[in-house]
Amino acid sequence: MTSDNADKLRKFARNMRSNPTEAEERLWGALRGRRLDRLKFRRQVPLRGFIVDFVCMEAKLIVELMAFSMLTAVMTHGGIRLCACAALRLSAFGTLM
């Protein structure tokens, strides 16, 4: 990825952190500040050309929140490739929209 693309991705991730969905806001309230098993989570993180909703590097875990209609596409396409490249597990949860 070129540095221009990486910069754009970082800016987009920053914007997403500033405008979370209700589901992201609720989950972040439960994860932030090591509230879940003292694990450090980060949100809206650029990773291998994607922006993941939440990631815990210690646990090698990505958590994605998305509309049910998107869940299948991510699990069968980009999400699996991302996890394979980064050696992380993906947990995707559907939200009602």
C-alpha atoms as a PDB file:
ATOM      1  CA  MET A   1       0.000   0.000   0.000  1.00  0.00           C
ATOM      2  CA  THR A   2       1.385   3.413  -0.913  1.00  0.00           C
ATOM      3  CA  SER A   3       1.853   6.042   1.749  1.00  0.00           C
ATOM      4  CA  ASP A   4      -0.944   8.129   0.143  1.00  0.00           C
ATOM      5  CA  ASN A   5      -3.372   5.230   0.529  1.00  0.00           C
ATOM      6  CA  ALA A   6      -2.192   4.582   4.099  1.00  0.00           C
ATOM      7  CA  ASP A   7      -2.721   8.261   4.980  1.00  0.00           C
ATOM      8  CA  LYS A   8      -6.227   8.207   3.492  1.00  0.00           C
ATOM      9  CA  LEU A   9      -7.060   5.034   5.397  1.00  0.00           C
ATOM     10  CA  ARG A  10      -5.810   6.542   8.691  1.00  0.00           C
ATOM     11  CA  LYS A  11      -7.867   9.709   8.126  1.00  0.00           C
ATOM     12  CA  PHE A  12     -10.942   7.645   7.310  1.00  0.00           C
ATOM     13  CA  ALA A  13     -10.425   5.534  10.464  1.00  0.00           C
ATOM     14  CA  ARG A  14     -10.083   8.708  12.554  1.00  0.00           C
ATOM     15  CA  ASN A  15     -13.356   9.994  11.088  1.00  0.00           C
ATOM     16  CA  MET A  16     -15.063   6.670  11.871  1.00  0.00           C
ATOM     17  CA  ARG A  17     -13.874   6.887  15.494  1.00  0.00           C
ATOM     18  CA  SER A  18     -15.471  10.333  15.703  1.00  0.00           C
ATOM     19  CA  ASN A  19     -18.807   9.083  14.324  1.00  0.00           C
ATOM     20  CA  PRO A  20     -19.475   5.622  15.793  1.00  0.00           C
ATOM     21  CA  THR A  21     -22.691   3.711  15.253  1.00  0.00           C
ATOM     22  CA  GLU A  22     -24.828   3.039  18.324  1.00  0.00           C
ATOM     23  CA  ALA A  23     -23.670  -0.592  18.385  1.00  0.00           C
ATOM     24  CA  GLU A  24     -19.989   0.439  18.178  1.00  0.00           C
ATOM     25  CA  GLU A  25     -20.468   2.983  20.944  1.00  0.00           C
ATOM     26  CA  ARG A  26     -22.066   0.406  23.247  1.00  0.00           C
ATOM     27  CA  LEU A  27     -19.431  -2.232  22.598  1.00  0.00           C
ATOM     28  CA  TRP A  28     -16.604   0.283  23.006  1.00  0.00           C
ATOM     29  CA  GLY A  29     -18.050   1.183  26.407  1.00  0.00           C
ATOM     30  CA  ALA A  30     -17.591  -2.454  27.443  1.00  0.00           C
ATOM     31  CA  LEU A  31     -14.113  -2.882  25.909  1.00  0.00           C
ATOM     32  CA  ARG A  32     -12.300   0.403  26.581  1.00  0.00           C
ATOM     33  CA  GLY A  33      -9.924   0.859  29.457  1.00  0.00           C
ATOM     34  CA  ARG A  34      -9.160  -2.880  29.696  1.00  0.00           C
ATOM     35  CA  ARG A  35     -12.665  -3.535  31.042  1.00  0.00           C
ATOM     36  CA  LEU A  36     -12.878  -6.972  29.408  1.00  0.00           C
ATOM     37  CA  ASP A  37     -10.457  -9.430  31.024  1.00  0.00           C
ATOM     38  CA  ARG A  38      -7.861  -6.625  31.290  1.00  0.00           C
ATOM     39  CA  LEU A  39      -7.279  -6.875  27.522  1.00  0.00           C
ATOM     40  CA  LYS A  40      -6.360  -3.760  25.552  1.00  0.00           C
ATOM     41  CA  PHE A  41      -8.687  -3.149  22.614  1.00  0.00           C
ATOM     42  CA  ARG A  42      -8.306  -0.470  19.957  1.00  0.00           C
ATOM     43  CA  ARG A  43     -11.129   0.705  17.705  1.00  0.00           C
ATOM     44  CA  GLN A  44     -11.356   1.616  14.024  1.00  0.00           C
ATOM     45  CA  VAL A  45      -7.825   0.447  13.288  1.00  0.00           C
ATOM     46  CA  PRO A  46      -6.306   0.395   9.781  1.00  0.00           C
ATOM     47  CA  LEU A  47      -4.916  -3.109   9.274  1.00  0.00           C
ATOM     48  CA  ARG A  48      -3.664  -4.628   5.996  1.00  0.00           C
ATOM     49  CA  GLY A  49      -5.738  -2.300   3.816  1.00  0.00           C
ATOM     50  CA  PHE A  50      -8.926  -2.695   5.882  1.00  0.00           C
ATOM     51  CA  ILE A  51     -10.330  -0.760   8.821  1.00  0.00           C
ATOM     52  CA  VAL A  52     -11.342  -3.152  11.574  1.00  0.00           C
ATOM     53  CA  ASP A  53     -13.926  -2.099  14.166  1.00  0.00           C
ATOM     54  CA  PHE A  54     -12.073  -3.439  17.206  1.00  0.00           C
ATOM     55  CA  VAL A  55      -8.787  -5.285  17.594  1.00  0.00           C
ATOM     56  CA  CYS A  56      -6.973  -6.810  20.551  1.00  0.00           C
ATOM     57  CA  MET A  57      -3.411  -7.608  19.527  1.00  0.00           C
ATOM     58  CA  GLU A  58      -2.672  -9.513  22.780  1.00  0.00           C
ATOM     59  CA  ALA A  59      -5.522 -11.943  22.110  1.00  0.00           C
ATOM     60  CA  LYS A  60      -4.999 -11.821  18.310  1.00  0.00           C
ATOM     61  CA  LEU A  61      -8.681 -11.012  17.932  1.00  0.00           C
ATOM     62  CA  ILE A  62     -10.653  -8.769  15.561  1.00  0.00           C
ATOM     63  CA  VAL A  63     -14.270  -7.926  16.371  1.00  0.00           C
ATOM     64  CA  GLU A  64     -16.449  -6.609  13.542  1.00  0.00           C
ATOM     65  CA  LEU A  65     -19.965  -5.209  13.899  1.00  0.00           C
ATOM     66  CA  MET A  66     -21.999  -5.019  10.724  1.00  0.00           C
ATOM     67  CA  ALA A  67     -25.457  -5.317   9.264  1.00  0.00           C
ATOM     68  CA  PHE A  68     -26.522  -8.948   8.794  1.00  0.00           C
ATOM     69  CA  SER A  69     -26.604  -8.428   5.026  1.00  0.00           C
ATOM     70  CA  MET A  70     -22.871  -7.699   4.988  1.00  0.00           C
ATOM     71  CA  LEU A  71     -21.877 -10.502   7.341  1.00  0.00           C
ATOM     72  CA  THR A  72     -21.752 -13.285   4.735  1.00  0.00           C
ATOM     73  CA  ALA A  73     -19.744 -11.231   2.228  1.00  0.00           C
ATOM     74  CA  VAL A  74     -17.091 -10.332   4.781  1.00  0.00           C
ATOM     75  CA  MET A  75     -16.799 -13.844   6.151  1.00  0.00           C
ATOM     76  CA  THR A  76     -16.396 -15.347   2.672  1.00  0.00           C
ATOM     77  CA  HIS A  77     -14.200 -12.673   1.092  1.00  0.00           C
ATOM     78  CA  GLY A  78     -12.116  -9.914   2.648  1.00  0.00           C
ATOM     79  CA  GLY A  79     -12.365 -10.844   6.309  1.00  0.00           C
ATOM     80  CA  ILE A  80     -10.872 -14.290   5.958  1.00  0.00           C
ATOM     81  CA  ARG A  81      -7.997 -12.981   3.809  1.00  0.00           C
ATOM     82  CA  LEU A  82      -7.281 -10.244   6.348  1.00  0.00           C
ATOM     83  CA  CYS A  83      -7.159 -12.712   9.210  1.00  0.00           C
ATOM     84  CA  ALA A  84      -4.934 -15.111   7.329  1.00  0.00           C
ATOM     85  CA  CYS A  85      -2.466 -12.321   6.511  1.00  0.00           C
ATOM     86  CA  ALA A  86      -2.412 -10.899  10.024  1.00  0.00           C
ATOM     87  CA  ALA A  87      -2.670 -14.254  11.880  1.00  0.00           C
ATOM     88  CA  LEU A  88      -5.701 -12.987  13.808  1.00  0.00           C
ATOM     89  CA  ARG A  89      -9.109 -14.495  14.572  1.00  0.00           C
ATOM     90  CA  LEU A  90     -12.192 -12.705  13.259  1.00  0.00           C
ATOM     91  CA  SER A  91     -15.392 -12.505  15.244  1.00  0.00           C
ATOM     92  CA  ALA A  92     -18.148 -10.817  13.255  1.00  0.00           C
ATOM     93  CA  PHE A  93     -21.451  -9.888  14.840  1.00  0.00           C
ATOM     94  CA  GLY A  94     -24.532  -8.746  12.964  1.00  0.00           C
ATOM     95  CA  THR A  95     -26.516  -5.748  14.097  1.00  0.00           C
ATOM     96  CA  LEU A  96     -30.108  -4.886  13.267  1.00  0.00           C
ATOM     97  CA  MET A  97     -30.258  -1.812  11.076  1.00  0.00           C
END
